[in-house]
Every structure is written in structure tokens, then in C-alpha cells.
Amino acid sequence: MTSDLGFTCMCCGARHPELPMNYTAEAPAVWDQAFADAEDCLLSSDLCVIRAQHYFVKGLIEIPVLGRDEVFSWGVWVSLSHENFSRTADLWDTPGREAEEPYFGWLTTDLPVYAPTTLNLKTHIHTRPVGERPCVELEPTVHPLAVEQRRGITPDRVREIAAAVIHGKQSDQR
């Protein structure tokens, strides 16, 4: 999803016609391409298993954009216990799955626009109706990402994130 409001990049000065409102990680931070052919590993667009010992689900960290009807989102991976992963997989195509209690997990996506690292932040995964990616709720800490999820971000912050992602910049945000 993108906003039709373009932006002028604060890093390069170029005018970009669209402001991205979401970014996504293709795999958990612990995924290695060498796992791709292993029988005990799986990476789909929604689920991941590594060595039949580590289990992950992809969800969205949604952040309200202040003064707008839009949300900004990060597509991230969260580790789950074997039991919760099995339950998630069993209910993946089951109508009414959104009635499930949230599952505890650890964030396994490193979002480089935040410091300190986002790896291993505590989360709760909220299952949504079939066809919708789960919602990732961060534990309410002082980590900048958790604060942004609770309080929202300005359109200027969305532009700052876009510039950082486009240019591969690390955040000095603490």
C-alpha cells in the first residue's frame, strides 16, 4: 500500500511519486538461504520452520498515522512455541479463527530504522479472519517501535522511514 502523496527524500533530495505505507521482511532474521532445500525447513509467505525446531508466523505491526485515516505497517516475523505454531497452522483456513486468544512470541525481524535492535521484543499475535495477516502487538515498553505503535507517528516520520529504507540508513533513534 502506498499513499498517493509523494515525498521529497531528505537523504537524496529526489521527488518520489508515492509514499510507501508498509514494508515487509521476506524471512525471519535467523533464516539462511542454505535452509531452502532442507527437508526439515519451510519458508512460505506466511509461515516458517527451521530444522523442525524453530517456528515463525508473519504478521503486521500496525502504527496509526496521526491526522490521517491510514496506518503504517511493518510485515514482520514472530517466533512461536511449537504448540502455538501448530494451532496457528491447524486453524489457518478455518473461519472464526479470530476468536483465538493471542499467542506469545518474540519478534525475529530486525528493523534497521530503530535503535536499539527490534530483535527479541516481546509480542502477542492476534489472529484475524481468514485471508488477513495476524496483528502483532508489541509489549508496551520504552522501545521506540513499541512507543510508536502505542502513540502513532506523524506523516513526517513515515517520510523519514521511507528515506531510511530506500537508502539503507541505520537509525540513530534511541
N, C-alpha and C. Protein backbone atom coordinates (compact mmCIF):
# COMPACT_ATOMS: atom_id res chain seq x y z
N MET A 1 0.85 -1.18 0.00
CA MET A 1 0.00 0.00 0.00
C MET A 1 0.89 1.24 0.00
N THR A 2 0.51 2.21 -0.76
CA THR A 2 1.23 3.46 -0.79
C THR A 2 0.23 4.60 -0.69
N SER A 3 0.74 5.70 -0.22
CA SER A 3 -0.07 6.90 -0.19
C SER A 3 0.13 7.61 -1.52
N ASP A 4 -0.91 8.26 -2.02
CA ASP A 4 -0.76 8.97 -3.29
C ASP A 4 -0.03 10.30 -3.09
N LEU A 5 0.32 10.57 -1.85
CA LEU A 5 1.07 11.79 -1.57
C LEU A 5 2.55 11.47 -1.67
N GLY A 6 3.18 11.91 -2.74
CA GLY A 6 4.60 11.68 -2.90
C GLY A 6 5.38 12.44 -1.83
N PHE A 7 6.69 12.29 -1.90
CA PHE A 7 7.52 12.99 -0.93
C PHE A 7 8.87 13.30 -1.53
N THR A 8 9.47 14.35 -0.99
CA THR A 8 10.83 14.70 -1.36
C THR A 8 11.75 14.07 -0.34
N CYS A 9 12.66 13.26 -0.80
CA CYS A 9 13.55 12.49 0.07
C CYS A 9 14.53 13.42 0.78
N MET A 10 14.59 13.28 2.09
CA MET A 10 15.51 14.12 2.87
C MET A 10 16.96 13.66 2.73
N CYS A 11 17.18 12.46 2.20
CA CYS A 11 18.55 11.97 2.01
C CYS A 11 19.14 12.42 0.68
N CYS A 12 18.36 12.22 -0.41
CA CYS A 12 18.91 12.49 -1.74
C CYS A 12 18.30 13.70 -2.43
N GLY A 13 17.21 14.22 -1.86
CA GLY A 13 16.56 15.39 -2.45
C GLY A 13 15.65 15.07 -3.62
N ALA A 14 15.58 13.79 -4.02
CA ALA A 14 14.74 13.41 -5.15
C ALA A 14 13.27 13.39 -4.74
N ARG A 15 12.42 13.63 -5.73
CA ARG A 15 10.97 13.57 -5.50
C ARG A 15 10.52 12.15 -5.85
N HIS A 16 9.92 11.48 -4.88
CA HIS A 16 9.38 10.14 -5.09
C HIS A 16 7.87 10.27 -5.22
N PRO A 17 7.27 9.66 -6.25
CA PRO A 17 5.84 9.87 -6.52
C PRO A 17 4.90 9.24 -5.50
N GLU A 18 5.36 8.23 -4.77
CA GLU A 18 4.50 7.58 -3.79
C GLU A 18 5.22 7.46 -2.46
N LEU A 19 4.46 7.54 -1.40
CA LEU A 19 4.99 7.34 -0.06
C LEU A 19 4.57 5.95 0.40
N PRO A 20 5.51 4.99 0.48
CA PRO A 20 5.14 3.64 0.93
C PRO A 20 4.60 3.67 2.36
N MET A 21 3.51 2.94 2.55
CA MET A 21 2.89 2.87 3.87
C MET A 21 3.11 1.51 4.53
N ASN A 22 3.91 0.67 3.88
CA ASN A 22 4.26 -0.61 4.51
C ASN A 22 5.56 -1.14 3.92
N TYR A 23 6.23 -1.91 4.73
CA TYR A 23 7.45 -2.62 4.34
C TYR A 23 7.33 -4.01 4.92
N THR A 24 7.98 -4.97 4.29
CA THR A 24 7.87 -6.33 4.78
C THR A 24 9.20 -7.05 4.71
N ALA A 25 9.42 -7.91 5.67
CA ALA A 25 10.60 -8.77 5.69
C ALA A 25 10.24 -10.08 5.00
N GLU A 26 11.10 -10.54 4.14
CA GLU A 26 10.83 -11.77 3.40
C GLU A 26 10.98 -13.02 4.25
N ALA A 27 11.81 -12.96 5.30
CA ALA A 27 12.07 -14.13 6.13
C ALA A 27 12.50 -13.67 7.52
N PRO A 28 12.40 -14.56 8.50
CA PRO A 28 12.92 -14.21 9.84
C PRO A 28 14.42 -13.93 9.76
N ALA A 29 14.92 -13.14 10.68
CA ALA A 29 16.33 -12.77 10.70
C ALA A 29 17.24 -13.99 10.78
N VAL A 30 16.76 -15.08 11.35
CA VAL A 30 17.59 -16.28 11.52
C VAL A 30 17.55 -17.21 10.31
N TRP A 31 16.78 -16.89 9.29
CA TRP A 31 16.70 -17.72 8.09
C TRP A 31 17.99 -17.59 7.29
N ASP A 32 18.46 -18.71 6.77
CA ASP A 32 19.63 -18.75 5.91
C ASP A 32 19.20 -19.41 4.61
N GLN A 33 19.61 -18.88 3.49
CA GLN A 33 19.20 -19.43 2.20
C GLN A 33 19.59 -20.91 2.08
N ALA A 34 20.61 -21.34 2.82
CA ALA A 34 21.01 -22.74 2.80
C ALA A 34 19.90 -23.66 3.33
N PHE A 35 18.95 -23.12 4.08
CA PHE A 35 17.83 -23.91 4.60
C PHE A 35 16.80 -24.24 3.51
N ALA A 36 16.83 -23.53 2.41
CA ALA A 36 15.77 -23.62 1.40
C ALA A 36 15.54 -25.04 0.88
N ASP A 37 16.57 -25.84 0.78
CA ASP A 37 16.42 -27.20 0.25
C ASP A 37 16.35 -28.27 1.33
N ALA A 38 16.43 -27.88 2.59
CA ALA A 38 16.40 -28.85 3.68
C ALA A 38 14.98 -29.37 3.91
N GLU A 39 14.85 -30.67 4.15
CA GLU A 39 13.54 -31.28 4.35
C GLU A 39 12.86 -30.81 5.63
N ASP A 40 13.65 -30.42 6.62
CA ASP A 40 13.08 -30.01 7.90
C ASP A 40 12.93 -28.49 8.02
N CYS A 41 12.93 -27.82 6.87
CA CYS A 41 12.76 -26.37 6.84
C CYS A 41 11.69 -25.99 5.82
N LEU A 42 11.02 -24.87 6.12
CA LEU A 42 9.97 -24.36 5.24
C LEU A 42 9.96 -22.85 5.35
N LEU A 43 9.83 -22.19 4.22
CA LEU A 43 9.60 -20.74 4.21
C LEU A 43 8.53 -20.45 3.18
N SER A 44 7.34 -20.05 3.65
CA SER A 44 6.27 -19.61 2.75
C SER A 44 6.08 -18.12 3.00
N SER A 45 5.08 -17.55 2.37
CA SER A 45 4.83 -16.12 2.59
C SER A 45 4.24 -15.85 3.96
N ASP A 46 3.77 -16.91 4.66
CA ASP A 46 3.11 -16.73 5.95
C ASP A 46 3.75 -17.47 7.11
N LEU A 47 4.37 -18.62 6.83
CA LEU A 47 4.88 -19.49 7.88
C LEU A 47 6.32 -19.89 7.59
N CYS A 48 7.04 -20.18 8.66
CA CYS A 48 8.43 -20.60 8.51
C CYS A 48 8.76 -21.63 9.60
N VAL A 49 9.50 -22.65 9.21
CA VAL A 49 10.01 -23.66 10.13
C VAL A 49 11.49 -23.83 9.83
N ILE A 50 12.31 -23.85 10.86
CA ILE A 50 13.75 -24.06 10.69
C ILE A 50 14.16 -25.28 11.50
N ARG A 51 14.68 -26.27 10.77
CA ARG A 51 15.20 -27.51 11.37
C ARG A 51 14.19 -28.22 12.25
N ALA A 52 12.90 -28.06 11.95
CA ALA A 52 11.81 -28.67 12.72
C ALA A 52 11.93 -28.37 14.21
N GLN A 53 12.54 -27.23 14.53
CA GLN A 53 12.74 -26.84 15.93
C GLN A 53 12.34 -25.41 16.22
N HIS A 54 12.32 -24.57 15.20
CA HIS A 54 12.02 -23.15 15.38
C HIS A 54 10.87 -22.79 14.44
N TYR A 55 9.88 -22.08 14.98
CA TYR A 55 8.62 -21.85 14.27
C TYR A 55 8.28 -20.37 14.26
N PHE A 56 7.82 -19.90 13.10
CA PHE A 56 7.57 -18.47 12.92
C PHE A 56 6.30 -18.24 12.12
N VAL A 57 5.65 -17.13 12.39
CA VAL A 57 4.49 -16.69 11.62
C VAL A 57 4.72 -15.22 11.25
N LYS A 58 4.22 -14.85 10.08
CA LYS A 58 4.35 -13.47 9.63
C LYS A 58 3.11 -12.69 10.03
N GLY A 59 3.32 -11.50 10.55
CA GLY A 59 2.22 -10.65 10.96
C GLY A 59 2.53 -9.19 10.67
N LEU A 60 1.62 -8.33 11.05
CA LEU A 60 1.77 -6.90 10.81
C LEU A 60 1.84 -6.13 12.12
N ILE A 61 2.85 -5.31 12.24
CA ILE A 61 2.88 -4.29 13.29
C ILE A 61 2.25 -3.06 12.66
N GLU A 62 1.08 -2.69 13.14
CA GLU A 62 0.38 -1.55 12.58
C GLU A 62 0.54 -0.33 13.48
N ILE A 63 0.84 0.79 12.84
CA ILE A 63 1.11 2.03 13.56
C ILE A 63 0.18 3.11 13.00
N PRO A 64 -0.66 3.70 13.84
CA PRO A 64 -1.54 4.76 13.35
C PRO A 64 -0.72 5.96 12.85
N VAL A 65 -1.18 6.58 11.77
CA VAL A 65 -0.56 7.80 11.27
C VAL A 65 -1.43 8.95 11.75
N LEU A 66 -0.85 9.79 12.58
CA LEU A 66 -1.59 10.88 13.21
C LEU A 66 -2.15 11.85 12.17
N GLY A 67 -3.43 12.18 12.34
CA GLY A 67 -4.09 13.11 11.44
C GLY A 67 -4.53 12.50 10.13
N ARG A 68 -4.39 11.19 9.98
CA ARG A 68 -4.77 10.50 8.74
C ARG A 68 -5.62 9.29 9.08
N ASP A 69 -6.35 8.80 8.12
CA ASP A 69 -7.15 7.58 8.31
C ASP A 69 -6.36 6.33 7.95
N GLU A 70 -5.09 6.48 7.66
CA GLU A 70 -4.24 5.36 7.26
C GLU A 70 -3.44 4.83 8.44
N VAL A 71 -2.95 3.60 8.25
CA VAL A 71 -1.97 3.07 9.19
C VAL A 71 -0.71 2.74 8.39
N PHE A 72 0.40 2.83 9.07
CA PHE A 72 1.69 2.41 8.53
C PHE A 72 1.93 1.01 9.09
N SER A 73 2.48 0.11 8.30
CA SER A 73 2.69 -1.24 8.83
C SER A 73 4.05 -1.81 8.43
N TRP A 74 4.53 -2.64 9.34
CA TRP A 74 5.74 -3.44 9.12
C TRP A 74 5.30 -4.90 9.03
N GLY A 75 5.63 -5.60 7.96
CA GLY A 75 5.42 -7.04 7.86
C GLY A 75 6.61 -7.72 8.51
N VAL A 76 6.36 -8.38 9.62
CA VAL A 76 7.45 -8.92 10.44
C VAL A 76 7.21 -10.40 10.76
N TRP A 77 8.26 -11.05 11.21
CA TRP A 77 8.21 -12.45 11.62
C TRP A 77 8.31 -12.54 13.13
N VAL A 78 7.51 -13.44 13.69
CA VAL A 78 7.49 -13.65 15.13
C VAL A 78 7.66 -15.14 15.39
N SER A 79 8.53 -15.47 16.35
CA SER A 79 8.70 -16.88 16.71
C SER A 79 7.57 -17.29 17.65
N LEU A 80 7.11 -18.51 17.47
CA LEU A 80 6.07 -19.08 18.31
C LEU A 80 6.55 -20.40 18.89
N SER A 81 5.96 -20.80 19.99
CA SER A 81 6.23 -22.13 20.52
C SER A 81 5.69 -23.15 19.51
N HIS A 82 6.18 -24.38 19.60
CA HIS A 82 5.70 -25.43 18.70
C HIS A 82 4.19 -25.60 18.84
N GLU A 83 3.69 -25.58 20.07
CA GLU A 83 2.26 -25.75 20.32
C GLU A 83 1.44 -24.64 19.65
N ASN A 84 1.85 -23.38 19.84
CA ASN A 84 1.10 -22.27 19.26
C ASN A 84 1.23 -22.24 17.73
N PHE A 85 2.40 -22.60 17.23
CA PHE A 85 2.57 -22.67 15.77
C PHE A 85 1.65 -23.74 15.18
N SER A 86 1.61 -24.90 15.81
CA SER A 86 0.76 -25.99 15.33
C SER A 86 -0.71 -25.56 15.32
N ARG A 87 -1.12 -24.89 16.37
CA ARG A 87 -2.50 -24.40 16.47
C ARG A 87 -2.78 -23.38 15.36
N THR A 88 -1.84 -22.47 15.16
CA THR A 88 -1.98 -21.47 14.10
C THR A 88 -2.12 -22.14 12.74
N ALA A 89 -1.24 -23.09 12.46
CA ALA A 89 -1.27 -23.79 11.17
C ALA A 89 -2.57 -24.58 11.01
N ASP A 90 -3.02 -25.24 12.08
CA ASP A 90 -4.25 -26.04 12.02
C ASP A 90 -5.47 -25.17 11.71
N LEU A 91 -5.46 -23.93 12.22
CA LEU A 91 -6.62 -23.04 12.05
C LEU A 91 -6.47 -22.07 10.87
N TRP A 92 -5.39 -22.19 10.10
CA TRP A 92 -5.05 -21.19 9.09
C TRP A 92 -6.23 -20.88 8.16
N ASP A 93 -6.96 -21.89 7.71
CA ASP A 93 -8.07 -21.68 6.78
C ASP A 93 -9.44 -21.88 7.43
N THR A 94 -9.49 -21.78 8.76
CA THR A 94 -10.74 -22.04 9.48
C THR A 94 -11.48 -20.74 9.79
N PRO A 95 -12.69 -20.58 9.27
CA PRO A 95 -13.48 -19.39 9.63
C PRO A 95 -13.68 -19.34 11.14
N GLY A 96 -13.62 -18.13 11.68
CA GLY A 96 -13.79 -17.95 13.12
C GLY A 96 -12.48 -18.03 13.89
N ARG A 97 -11.38 -18.23 13.18
CA ARG A 97 -10.08 -18.37 13.87
C ARG A 97 -9.72 -17.12 14.68
N GLU A 98 -10.31 -15.99 14.33
CA GLU A 98 -10.00 -14.74 15.04
C GLU A 98 -10.48 -14.76 16.49
N ALA A 99 -11.26 -15.76 16.87
CA ALA A 99 -11.71 -15.89 18.26
C ALA A 99 -10.61 -16.46 19.17
N GLU A 100 -9.51 -16.91 18.58
CA GLU A 100 -8.39 -17.45 19.36
C GLU A 100 -7.81 -16.38 20.30
N GLU A 101 -7.37 -16.82 21.45
CA GLU A 101 -6.63 -15.93 22.34
C GLU A 101 -5.29 -15.59 21.67
N PRO A 102 -4.72 -14.43 21.96
CA PRO A 102 -3.42 -14.08 21.37
C PRO A 102 -2.34 -15.09 21.79
N TYR A 103 -1.37 -15.27 20.91
CA TYR A 103 -0.22 -16.14 21.18
C TYR A 103 0.99 -15.28 21.52
N PHE A 104 1.76 -15.72 22.50
CA PHE A 104 3.01 -15.02 22.84
C PHE A 104 4.08 -15.38 21.82
N GLY A 105 4.92 -14.41 21.49
CA GLY A 105 6.04 -14.67 20.59
C GLY A 105 7.13 -13.63 20.75
N TRP A 106 8.23 -13.88 20.08
CA TRP A 106 9.39 -12.98 20.07
C TRP A 106 9.57 -12.44 18.65
N LEU A 107 9.74 -11.13 18.53
CA LEU A 107 9.97 -10.52 17.23
C LEU A 107 11.30 -11.01 16.67
N THR A 108 11.29 -11.53 15.44
CA THR A 108 12.53 -12.03 14.83
C THR A 108 12.81 -11.32 13.52
N THR A 109 12.46 -10.05 13.48
CA THR A 109 12.78 -9.18 12.35
C THR A 109 13.55 -7.98 12.90
N ASP A 110 14.69 -7.72 12.29
CA ASP A 110 15.48 -6.56 12.69
C ASP A 110 15.11 -5.40 11.78
N LEU A 111 14.44 -4.42 12.32
CA LEU A 111 14.06 -3.24 11.55
C LEU A 111 15.15 -2.19 11.76
N PRO A 112 16.00 -1.98 10.75
CA PRO A 112 17.20 -1.15 10.95
C PRO A 112 16.93 0.32 11.19
N VAL A 113 15.71 0.78 11.06
CA VAL A 113 15.43 2.19 11.33
C VAL A 113 15.20 2.45 12.81
N TYR A 114 15.38 1.42 13.64
CA TYR A 114 15.20 1.57 15.08
C TYR A 114 16.47 1.15 15.81
N ALA A 115 16.77 1.89 16.86
CA ALA A 115 17.85 1.52 17.77
C ALA A 115 17.30 1.70 19.17
N PRO A 116 17.52 0.77 20.05
CA PRO A 116 18.26 -0.48 19.85
C PRO A 116 17.48 -1.43 18.93
N THR A 117 18.09 -2.58 18.65
CA THR A 117 17.50 -3.56 17.75
C THR A 117 16.08 -3.93 18.14
N THR A 118 15.31 -4.31 17.13
CA THR A 118 13.95 -4.79 17.37
C THR A 118 13.92 -6.30 17.60
N LEU A 119 15.04 -6.97 17.39
CA LEU A 119 15.08 -8.42 17.60
C LEU A 119 14.75 -8.77 19.05
N ASN A 120 13.93 -9.79 19.20
CA ASN A 120 13.57 -10.34 20.51
C ASN A 120 12.69 -9.45 21.37
N LEU A 121 11.98 -8.50 20.75
CA LEU A 121 10.97 -7.78 21.51
C LEU A 121 9.82 -8.73 21.78
N LYS A 122 9.21 -8.63 22.95
CA LYS A 122 8.08 -9.49 23.30
C LYS A 122 6.83 -9.02 22.55
N THR A 123 6.06 -10.01 22.06
CA THR A 123 4.87 -9.70 21.28
C THR A 123 3.70 -10.59 21.67
N HIS A 124 2.54 -10.19 21.21
CA HIS A 124 1.35 -11.04 21.21
C HIS A 124 0.80 -11.01 19.79
N ILE A 125 0.51 -12.20 19.27
CA ILE A 125 -0.01 -12.35 17.92
C ILE A 125 -1.52 -12.50 18.01
N HIS A 126 -2.24 -11.61 17.36
CA HIS A 126 -3.69 -11.64 17.33
C HIS A 126 -4.13 -12.17 15.96
N THR A 127 -4.74 -13.34 15.97
CA THR A 127 -5.23 -13.93 14.73
C THR A 127 -6.42 -13.13 14.22
N ARG A 128 -6.49 -12.98 12.92
CA ARG A 128 -7.60 -12.25 12.30
C ARG A 128 -8.36 -13.20 11.38
N PRO A 129 -9.43 -12.72 10.78
CA PRO A 129 -10.21 -13.59 9.88
C PRO A 129 -9.35 -14.18 8.76
N VAL A 130 -9.81 -15.31 8.24
CA VAL A 130 -9.10 -15.99 7.15
C VAL A 130 -8.81 -14.99 6.03
N GLY A 131 -7.60 -15.02 5.53
CA GLY A 131 -7.19 -14.12 4.46
C GLY A 131 -6.51 -12.86 4.95
N GLU A 132 -6.54 -12.62 6.26
CA GLU A 132 -5.88 -11.44 6.83
C GLU A 132 -4.68 -11.87 7.64
N ARG A 133 -3.61 -11.14 7.47
CA ARG A 133 -2.39 -11.43 8.22
C ARG A 133 -2.61 -11.10 9.70
N PRO A 134 -2.04 -11.89 10.60
CA PRO A 134 -2.18 -11.60 12.03
C PRO A 134 -1.63 -10.22 12.40
N CYS A 135 -2.17 -9.67 13.46
CA CYS A 135 -1.70 -8.40 14.01
C CYS A 135 -0.69 -8.70 15.10
N VAL A 136 0.42 -7.98 15.08
CA VAL A 136 1.47 -8.15 16.08
C VAL A 136 1.39 -6.98 17.05
N GLU A 137 1.12 -7.29 18.29
CA GLU A 137 1.08 -6.27 19.35
C GLU A 137 2.37 -6.38 20.16
N LEU A 138 3.11 -5.29 20.22
CA LEU A 138 4.34 -5.28 21.00
C LEU A 138 4.04 -5.06 22.47
N GLU A 139 4.87 -5.67 23.32
CA GLU A 139 4.76 -5.40 24.75
C GLU A 139 4.97 -3.90 24.94
N PRO A 140 4.18 -3.26 25.80
CA PRO A 140 4.29 -1.80 25.97
C PRO A 140 5.54 -1.40 26.77
N THR A 141 6.65 -1.29 26.06
CA THR A 141 7.92 -0.90 26.67
C THR A 141 8.30 0.50 26.19
N VAL A 142 9.51 0.92 26.52
CA VAL A 142 10.01 2.22 26.06
C VAL A 142 10.76 2.10 24.75
N HIS A 143 10.81 0.90 24.17
CA HIS A 143 11.47 0.77 22.87
C HIS A 143 10.76 1.69 21.87
N PRO A 144 11.51 2.41 21.02
CA PRO A 144 10.88 3.36 20.08
C PRO A 144 9.79 2.75 19.21
N LEU A 145 9.95 1.50 18.77
CA LEU A 145 8.92 0.87 17.95
C LEU A 145 7.64 0.64 18.76
N ALA A 146 7.78 0.20 19.99
CA ALA A 146 6.61 -0.02 20.86
C ALA A 146 5.92 1.31 21.17
N VAL A 147 6.69 2.34 21.39
CA VAL A 147 6.12 3.67 21.65
C VAL A 147 5.35 4.15 20.42
N GLU A 148 5.94 3.98 19.23
CA GLU A 148 5.25 4.40 18.01
C GLU A 148 3.95 3.62 17.80
N GLN A 149 3.97 2.32 18.11
CA GLN A 149 2.74 1.54 17.95
C GLN A 149 1.63 2.06 18.88
N ARG A 150 2.01 2.44 20.08
CA ARG A 150 1.01 2.93 21.04
C ARG A 150 0.54 4.34 20.73
N ARG A 151 1.45 5.23 20.37
CA ARG A 151 1.14 6.65 20.23
C ARG A 151 0.85 7.10 18.81
N GLY A 152 1.33 6.33 17.82
CA GLY A 152 1.19 6.73 16.43
C GLY A 152 2.40 7.52 15.97
N ILE A 153 2.45 7.77 14.67
CA ILE A 153 3.56 8.52 14.08
C ILE A 153 2.99 9.60 13.17
N THR A 154 3.79 10.60 12.93
CA THR A 154 3.38 11.69 12.05
C THR A 154 3.68 11.31 10.59
N PRO A 155 3.04 11.99 9.65
CA PRO A 155 3.39 11.77 8.24
C PRO A 155 4.87 12.04 7.98
N ASP A 156 5.47 13.01 8.71
CA ASP A 156 6.90 13.27 8.55
C ASP A 156 7.74 12.06 8.97
N ARG A 157 7.31 11.36 10.01
CA ARG A 157 8.03 10.15 10.43
C ARG A 157 7.93 9.06 9.36
N VAL A 158 6.77 8.96 8.70
CA VAL A 158 6.62 7.99 7.61
C VAL A 158 7.61 8.33 6.50
N ARG A 159 7.75 9.63 6.17
CA ARG A 159 8.71 10.05 5.15
C ARG A 159 10.15 9.76 5.59
N GLU A 160 10.43 9.96 6.86
CA GLU A 160 11.76 9.67 7.41
C GLU A 160 12.07 8.17 7.28
N ILE A 161 11.10 7.34 7.61
CA ILE A 161 11.28 5.89 7.48
C ILE A 161 11.51 5.52 6.02
N ALA A 162 10.71 6.10 5.11
CA ALA A 162 10.86 5.81 3.69
C ALA A 162 12.26 6.16 3.20
N ALA A 163 12.75 7.31 3.57
CA ALA A 163 14.10 7.72 3.16
C ALA A 163 15.15 6.77 3.71
N ALA A 164 15.00 6.37 4.96
CA ALA A 164 15.96 5.45 5.57
C ALA A 164 15.93 4.08 4.90
N VAL A 165 14.73 3.59 4.59
CA VAL A 165 14.63 2.27 3.94
C VAL A 165 15.18 2.34 2.52
N ILE A 166 14.82 3.36 1.77
CA ILE A 166 15.29 3.50 0.40
C ILE A 166 16.82 3.56 0.34
N HIS A 167 17.40 4.26 1.28
CA HIS A 167 18.85 4.48 1.25
C HIS A 167 19.62 3.58 2.21
N GLY A 168 18.93 2.65 2.86
CA GLY A 168 19.62 1.70 3.73
C GLY A 168 20.27 2.34 4.94
N LYS A 169 19.69 3.38 5.45
CA LYS A 169 20.26 4.09 6.59
C LYS A 169 19.85 3.44 7.90
N GLN A 170 20.78 3.41 8.84
CA GLN A 170 20.50 2.96 10.21
C GLN A 170 19.94 4.15 10.97
N SER A 171 19.10 3.86 11.94
CA SER A 171 18.54 4.93 12.75
C SER A 171 19.49 5.28 13.88
N ASP A 172 19.47 6.55 14.25
CA ASP A 172 20.19 6.94 15.48
C ASP A 172 19.18 7.16 16.58
N GLN A 173 17.93 6.77 16.31
CA GLN A 173 16.85 6.92 17.27
C GLN A 173 17.11 6.04 18.48
N ARG A 174 17.01 6.57 19.65
CA ARG A 174 17.27 5.80 20.89
C ARG A 174 16.08 5.89 21.79
